[in-house]
Amino acid sequence: MENQEQKFELIISTESKVLACNIADFEKQADKFLSTLTQSFETDEDFGRAKEEVKLLKELEDKTRAAIKNAQQGDINKLIEQAEAIADKFRDERLSRDKLVKAKEAEVRQRIAEEAIAEIMDVRTKTCTESAISLALEMTTPKNEINQRMQWATKNKRTIDGLVKGVTAEKNLVLAEIAQEIARLQSRLKLIPISHEYLFSDAVKLIAGEDDLEEIVAQRIEDEKQREAQRKAEAEAAACKAKQEAEEQAKVQAEAAGVAQEMKEQTPPATPAQSAVENHGFVIQISLPPMPQADAVTVAREVKAQYGDKYEVTLKPLKG
């Protein structure tokens, strides 16, 4: 580029007229030079060449404007306008190329980082075959943290080679950490027995944490054993109580039946019916307030003892 720069220079020398000028050739050379600027941005050499072109464009622009300043005598407005237009071409291309280089650098950095992130997530997905492990890993090693680390790995890298090496090193480190974390989560998940999974609705949070999981598991199982023992004792007590109540009820019913039979046997045979006009049978009903059947039987016996010799005494529960 140094040789090209020495041959590629505008010459204007004037007095009252143009004494020496190669502006026509210079303009052709300028257009040809601009058409050969770097268009591919893939390698470090591409970016290095593009950055050097930006510097060279600045030098050509400055030298062209310097030549213009030296040609301030005589009627040379047209010549100066031509030279100014060429200098503007250099400036416009320089500014455009500077932005292009920076944009392409950012694009390459982003692409390399995204490829590394995609590889990490692919390995992570294939390795996490259990839902609980995958959910816990997202808590301990979230995706946004991985993204941040890959973006950080692209910082302060002056070459593509350095950029690739930096991102690759960080990617490998993240993959190693993920493998280690998955192993930790799997070992903690195994501490939760399948027979008692219902006690650990918060299993994901537990395996993702750092607490002593063995102690937590043992405590919850022991608590469940105590609850089960209590439920069993309560069920047995309820069954025993129901049995006792049933036996007591049967005893009362049997006793009531015995009293009724006893009353029936003690009732004297009915006298022959007389004329319907002369005699009628009557029933005197005594309604007792609500009470246990045993108490009602006691009252019936008392009534029977007093009136049983003359009248029929029976005991019947009220309906409703």
Protein backbone atom coordinates (compact mmCIF):
# COMPACT_ATOMS: atom_id res chain seq x y z
CA MET A 1 0.00 0.00 0.00
CA GLU A 2 2.95 2.28 0.59
CA ASN A 3 4.03 2.12 -3.06
CA GLN A 4 0.45 2.59 -4.21
CA GLU A 5 0.13 5.66 -2.01
CA GLN A 6 3.33 7.26 -3.42
CA LYS A 7 2.18 6.89 -7.06
CA PHE A 8 -1.38 7.78 -6.20
CA GLU A 9 -1.27 11.52 -5.37
CA LEU A 10 -2.94 14.64 -6.78
CA ILE A 11 -0.57 17.30 -8.16
CA ILE A 12 -1.77 20.88 -8.71
CA SER A 13 0.67 23.76 -9.23
CA THR A 14 -0.65 27.13 -10.41
CA GLU A 15 0.32 30.73 -10.97
CA SER A 16 -2.26 32.72 -12.84
CA LYS A 17 -3.04 29.59 -14.78
CA VAL A 18 -2.72 25.90 -14.26
CA LEU A 19 0.91 24.93 -14.74
CA ALA A 20 0.70 21.26 -13.87
CA CYS A 21 -2.31 19.06 -13.20
CA ASN A 22 -3.01 15.33 -13.37
CA ILE A 23 -6.56 15.57 -12.03
CA ALA A 24 -8.15 13.52 -14.82
CA ASP A 25 -5.76 10.61 -14.24
CA PHE A 26 -6.02 11.12 -10.51
CA GLU A 27 -9.81 10.86 -10.60
CA LYS A 28 -9.64 7.62 -12.59
CA GLN A 29 -7.09 6.24 -10.14
CA ALA A 30 -9.30 7.31 -7.24
CA ASP A 31 -12.36 5.55 -8.65
CA LYS A 32 -10.33 2.44 -9.41
CA PHE A 33 -8.88 2.45 -5.89
CA LEU A 34 -12.33 2.80 -4.31
CA SER A 35 -13.62 -0.13 -6.33
CA THR A 36 -10.88 -2.41 -4.97
CA LEU A 37 -11.59 -1.83 -1.27
CA THR A 38 -12.19 -4.89 0.90
CA GLN A 39 -15.71 -6.33 0.74
CA SER A 40 -15.28 -9.61 2.63
CA PHE A 41 -15.14 -9.63 6.42
CA GLU A 42 -14.38 -13.16 7.58
CA THR A 43 -10.75 -13.35 8.68
CA ASP A 44 -8.40 -11.26 10.79
CA GLU A 45 -6.61 -10.32 7.57
CA ASP A 46 -9.88 -9.00 6.12
CA PHE A 47 -10.50 -6.77 9.11
CA GLY A 48 -6.86 -5.67 9.29
CA ARG A 49 -6.86 -4.72 5.63
CA ALA A 50 -10.17 -2.84 5.98
CA LYS A 51 -8.87 -0.85 8.95
CA GLU A 52 -5.70 0.06 7.03
CA GLU A 53 -7.90 1.18 4.12
CA VAL A 54 -9.76 3.53 6.47
CA LYS A 55 -6.44 5.08 7.48
CA LEU A 56 -5.30 5.36 3.87
CA LEU A 57 -8.55 6.99 2.86
CA LYS A 58 -7.99 9.59 5.55
CA GLU A 59 -4.45 10.27 4.26
CA LEU A 60 -5.66 10.58 0.66
CA GLU A 61 -8.43 12.91 1.72
CA ASP A 62 -5.98 15.11 3.67
CA LYS A 63 -3.41 15.21 0.83
CA THR A 64 -6.07 16.03 -1.72
CA ARG A 65 -7.32 18.92 0.36
CA ALA A 66 -3.72 20.07 0.90
CA ALA A 67 -3.21 20.15 -2.86
CA ILE A 68 -6.34 22.23 -3.15
CA LYS A 69 -5.06 24.74 -0.63
CA ASN A 70 -1.81 25.08 -2.55
CA ALA A 71 -3.73 26.00 -5.69
CA GLN A 72 -5.28 29.28 -4.63
CA GLN A 73 -4.06 31.50 -7.51
CA GLY A 74 -5.65 32.15 -10.89
CA ASP A 75 -8.90 31.03 -12.44
CA ILE A 76 -9.00 27.47 -11.21
CA ASN A 77 -12.46 27.16 -9.65
CA LYS A 78 -13.46 24.25 -11.86
CA LEU A 79 -10.25 22.44 -11.07
CA ILE A 80 -10.71 22.99 -7.35
CA GLU A 81 -14.33 21.80 -7.52
CA GLN A 82 -13.18 18.59 -9.18
CA ALA A 83 -10.52 18.06 -6.55
CA GLU A 84 -13.01 18.82 -3.76
CA ALA A 85 -15.41 16.25 -5.21
CA ILE A 86 -12.67 13.62 -5.21
CA ALA A 87 -11.71 14.50 -1.64
CA ASP A 88 -15.36 14.14 -0.67
CA LYS A 89 -15.40 10.67 -2.24
CA PHE A 90 -12.48 9.70 -0.03
CA ARG A 91 -14.20 11.14 3.01
CA ASP A 92 -17.56 9.50 2.33
CA GLU A 93 -15.96 6.13 1.69
CA ARG A 94 -13.80 6.48 4.77
CA LEU A 95 -16.77 7.23 7.04
CA SER A 96 -18.90 4.51 5.48
CA ARG A 97 -16.10 1.96 5.66
CA ASP A 98 -15.33 2.80 9.27
CA LYS A 99 -18.97 2.12 10.22
CA LEU A 100 -19.03 -1.02 8.08
CA VAL A 101 -15.91 -2.44 9.74
CA LYS A 102 -17.31 -1.84 13.21
CA ALA A 103 -20.70 -3.34 12.27
CA LYS A 104 -19.07 -6.42 10.73
CA GLU A 105 -16.87 -6.87 13.81
CA ALA A 106 -19.95 -6.77 16.04
CA GLU A 107 -21.74 -9.18 13.73
CA VAL A 108 -18.88 -11.68 13.83
CA ARG A 109 -18.60 -11.40 17.62
CA GLN A 110 -22.33 -12.00 18.02
CA ARG A 111 -22.33 -14.97 15.62
CA ILE A 112 -19.44 -16.69 17.40
CA ALA A 113 -21.06 -16.13 20.80
CA GLU A 114 -24.46 -17.40 19.60
CA GLU A 115 -22.91 -20.54 18.10
CA ALA A 116 -21.22 -21.29 21.42
CA ILE A 117 -24.47 -20.69 23.33
CA ALA A 118 -26.40 -22.98 20.95
CA GLU A 119 -23.83 -25.75 21.45
CA ILE A 120 -24.04 -25.40 25.24
CA MET A 121 -27.84 -25.53 25.25
CA ASP A 122 -27.85 -28.54 22.93
CA VAL A 123 -25.50 -30.48 25.22
CA ARG A 124 -27.49 -29.38 28.25
CA THR A 125 -30.81 -30.54 26.75
CA LYS A 126 -29.44 -33.94 25.73
CA THR A 127 -27.81 -34.48 29.13
CA CYS A 128 -30.83 -33.51 31.27
CA THR A 129 -33.19 -36.44 30.67
CA GLU A 130 -35.17 -35.89 33.88
CA SER A 131 -37.61 -33.01 34.25
CA ALA A 132 -36.64 -32.33 37.88
CA ILE A 133 -32.95 -32.10 36.96
CA SER A 134 -33.66 -29.76 34.05
CA LEU A 135 -35.79 -27.45 36.22
CA ALA A 136 -33.24 -27.45 39.03
CA LEU A 137 -30.40 -26.70 36.60
CA GLU A 138 -32.29 -23.69 35.30
CA MET A 139 -32.35 -22.41 38.91
CA THR A 140 -28.63 -22.95 39.54
CA THR A 141 -27.30 -22.23 36.03
CA PRO A 142 -29.90 -20.07 34.25
CA LYS A 143 -29.75 -19.51 30.49
CA ASN A 144 -29.39 -15.75 30.83
CA GLU A 145 -26.25 -16.25 32.93
CA ILE A 146 -24.75 -18.43 30.18
CA ASN A 147 -25.58 -15.74 27.61
CA GLN A 148 -23.87 -13.08 29.71
CA ARG A 149 -20.75 -15.19 30.11
CA MET A 150 -20.47 -15.76 26.36
CA GLN A 151 -20.90 -12.05 25.65
CA TRP A 152 -18.27 -11.26 28.26
CA ALA A 153 -15.88 -13.71 26.56
CA THR A 154 -16.03 -11.63 23.35
CA LYS A 155 -14.85 -8.43 25.06
CA ASN A 156 -11.38 -6.92 24.44
CA LYS A 157 -10.49 -9.41 21.67
CA ARG A 158 -8.56 -7.64 18.91
CA THR A 159 -8.49 -10.53 16.42
CA ILE A 160 -10.96 -13.16 15.26
CA ASP A 161 -8.54 -15.87 16.31
CA GLY A 162 -8.34 -14.38 19.80
CA LEU A 163 -12.12 -14.02 19.86
CA VAL A 164 -12.67 -17.68 18.90
CA LYS A 165 -10.13 -18.88 21.46
CA GLY A 166 -11.68 -16.78 24.23
CA VAL A 167 -15.25 -17.90 23.51
CA THR A 168 -14.22 -21.54 23.09
CA ALA A 169 -12.38 -21.52 26.42
CA GLU A 170 -15.38 -20.03 28.21
CA LYS A 171 -17.76 -22.45 26.46
CA ASN A 172 -15.70 -25.46 27.55
CA LEU A 173 -15.60 -24.11 31.10
CA VAL A 174 -19.39 -23.69 31.15
CA LEU A 175 -19.92 -27.22 29.79
CA ALA A 176 -17.64 -28.66 32.48
CA GLU A 177 -19.51 -26.74 35.18
CA ILE A 178 -22.87 -27.91 33.81
CA ALA A 179 -21.72 -31.56 33.80
CA GLN A 180 -20.54 -31.21 37.39
CA GLU A 181 -23.78 -29.52 38.46
CA ILE A 182 -25.94 -32.17 36.77
CA ALA A 183 -24.01 -34.90 38.64
CA ARG A 184 -24.61 -33.04 41.92
CA LEU A 185 -28.32 -32.65 41.23
CA GLN A 186 -28.71 -36.31 40.25
CA SER A 187 -26.98 -37.51 43.42
CA ARG A 188 -29.26 -35.32 45.56
CA LEU A 189 -32.38 -36.48 43.70
CA LYS A 190 -31.49 -40.11 44.50
CA LEU A 191 -31.71 -39.25 48.21
CA ILE A 192 -35.49 -38.87 47.84
CA PRO A 193 -37.03 -42.41 48.00
CA ILE A 194 -39.61 -43.18 45.33
CA SER A 195 -41.90 -44.66 48.00
CA HIS A 196 -42.15 -41.25 49.68
CA GLU A 197 -42.10 -38.91 46.66
CA TYR A 198 -45.50 -37.55 47.72
CA LEU A 199 -43.78 -35.91 50.69
CA PHE A 200 -41.50 -33.84 48.42
CA SER A 201 -43.58 -31.58 46.19
CA ASP A 202 -40.68 -29.12 46.52
CA ALA A 203 -38.12 -31.65 45.27
CA VAL A 204 -36.76 -29.31 42.56
CA LYS A 205 -36.04 -26.56 45.07
CA LEU A 206 -34.52 -29.03 47.51
CA ILE A 207 -32.07 -30.63 45.07
CA ALA A 208 -31.10 -27.22 43.69
CA GLY A 209 -30.24 -25.97 47.17
CA GLU A 210 -27.27 -26.58 49.43
CA ASP A 211 -29.07 -27.77 52.59
CA ASP A 212 -28.40 -31.19 54.11
CA LEU A 213 -30.93 -33.14 52.06
CA GLU A 214 -30.38 -36.45 53.87
CA GLU A 215 -31.42 -34.85 57.14
CA ILE A 216 -34.49 -33.25 55.55
CA VAL A 217 -35.56 -36.55 53.96
CA ALA A 218 -35.12 -38.49 57.22
CA GLN A 219 -37.10 -35.90 59.19
CA ARG A 220 -40.01 -35.85 56.75
CA ILE A 221 -40.24 -39.64 56.66
CA GLU A 222 -40.16 -39.82 60.46
CA ASP A 223 -42.89 -37.17 60.68
CA GLU A 224 -44.99 -39.17 58.21
CA LYS A 225 -44.52 -42.35 60.28
CA GLN A 226 -45.77 -40.51 63.35
CA ARG A 227 -48.78 -39.15 61.46
CA GLU A 228 -49.55 -42.63 60.13
CA ALA A 229 -49.30 -44.14 63.62
CA GLN A 230 -51.64 -41.45 64.93
CA ARG A 231 -54.14 -42.07 62.11
CA LYS A 232 -54.03 -45.81 62.82
CA ALA A 233 -54.54 -45.30 66.55
CA GLU A 234 -57.46 -42.95 65.91
CA ALA A 235 -59.03 -45.45 63.49
CA GLU A 236 -58.66 -48.31 65.98
CA ALA A 237 -60.13 -46.16 68.77
CA ALA A 238 -63.08 -45.21 66.59
CA ALA A 239 -63.67 -48.86 65.64
CA CYS A 240 -63.51 -49.94 69.29
CA LYS A 241 -65.94 -47.21 70.30
CA ALA A 242 -68.34 -48.17 67.53
CA LYS A 243 -68.17 -51.80 68.61
CA GLN A 244 -68.88 -50.89 72.23
CA GLU A 245 -71.82 -48.70 71.21
CA ALA A 246 -73.21 -51.48 69.02
CA GLU A 247 -72.89 -54.00 71.85
CA GLU A 248 -74.55 -51.61 74.28
CA GLN A 249 -77.36 -50.94 71.82
CA ALA A 250 -77.90 -54.65 71.29
CA LYS A 251 -77.96 -55.21 75.06
CA VAL A 252 -80.55 -52.44 75.56
CA GLN A 253 -82.68 -53.74 72.71
CA ALA A 254 -82.55 -57.27 74.11
CA GLU A 255 -83.49 -56.00 77.54
CA ALA A 256 -86.38 -53.99 76.09
CA ALA A 257 -87.60 -57.04 74.24
CA GLY A 258 -87.44 -59.05 77.48
CA VAL A 259 -89.48 -56.43 79.32
CA ALA A 260 -92.06 -56.40 76.56
CA GLN A 261 -92.34 -60.18 76.67
CA GLU A 262 -92.57 -60.12 80.45
CA MET A 263 -95.38 -57.57 80.27
CA LYS A 264 -97.17 -59.59 77.68
CA GLU A 265 -97.03 -62.74 79.81
CA GLN A 266 -98.31 -60.89 82.89
CA THR A 267 -101.30 -59.36 81.10
CA PRO A 268 -104.56 -61.19 82.16
CA PRO A 269 -106.70 -62.67 79.43
CA ALA A 270 -109.32 -60.34 78.08
CA THR A 271 -112.89 -60.81 79.38
CA PRO A 272 -115.58 -61.61 76.85
CA ALA A 273 -116.65 -58.57 74.97
CA GLN A 274 -119.85 -57.03 76.08
CA SER A 275 -122.29 -55.06 74.05
CA ALA A 276 -120.70 -52.24 72.11
CA VAL A 277 -123.22 -49.95 73.64
CA GLU A 278 -122.29 -50.83 77.18
CA ASN A 279 -118.44 -51.08 77.12
CA HIS A 280 -115.50 -49.63 75.09
CA GLY A 281 -111.74 -50.23 75.23
CA PHE A 282 -109.54 -47.17 75.91
CA VAL A 283 -105.82 -46.48 75.46
CA ILE A 284 -104.06 -44.09 77.76
CA GLN A 285 -100.82 -42.90 76.11
CA ILE A 286 -98.00 -41.52 78.18
CA SER A 287 -95.41 -39.67 76.07
CA LEU A 288 -91.99 -39.59 77.64
CA PRO A 289 -89.47 -36.84 76.87
CA PRO A 290 -86.43 -37.83 74.79
CA MET A 291 -84.20 -40.15 76.84
CA PRO A 292 -81.96 -43.22 76.39
CA GLN A 293 -83.85 -46.45 75.75
CA ALA A 294 -82.55 -47.93 79.00
CA ASP A 295 -84.20 -45.11 80.96
CA ALA A 296 -87.46 -45.62 79.06
CA VAL A 297 -87.38 -49.35 79.97
CA THR A 298 -86.93 -48.43 83.64
CA VAL A 299 -89.97 -46.13 83.52
CA ALA A 300 -92.01 -48.88 81.81
CA ARG A 301 -91.12 -51.32 84.56
CA GLU A 302 -92.24 -48.86 87.20
CA VAL A 303 -95.58 -48.33 85.43
CA LYS A 304 -95.95 -52.07 84.98
CA ALA A 305 -95.25 -52.69 88.62
CA GLN A 306 -98.00 -50.29 89.61
CA TYR A 307 -100.70 -51.04 87.02
CA GLY A 308 -99.67 -54.25 85.37
CA ASP A 309 -102.09 -56.43 87.30
CA LYS A 310 -105.12 -54.62 85.89
CA TYR A 311 -103.97 -53.04 82.63
CA GLU A 312 -101.78 -53.87 79.65
CA VAL A 313 -98.62 -51.80 79.66
CA THR A 314 -96.52 -51.65 76.45
CA LEU A 315 -93.41 -49.66 75.45
CA LYS A 316 -93.09 -48.36 71.90
CA PRO A 317 -90.73 -45.75 70.46
CA LEU A 318 -92.34 -42.67 68.96
CA LYS A 319 -91.90 -42.31 65.22
CA GLY A 320 -89.96 -39.28 63.97
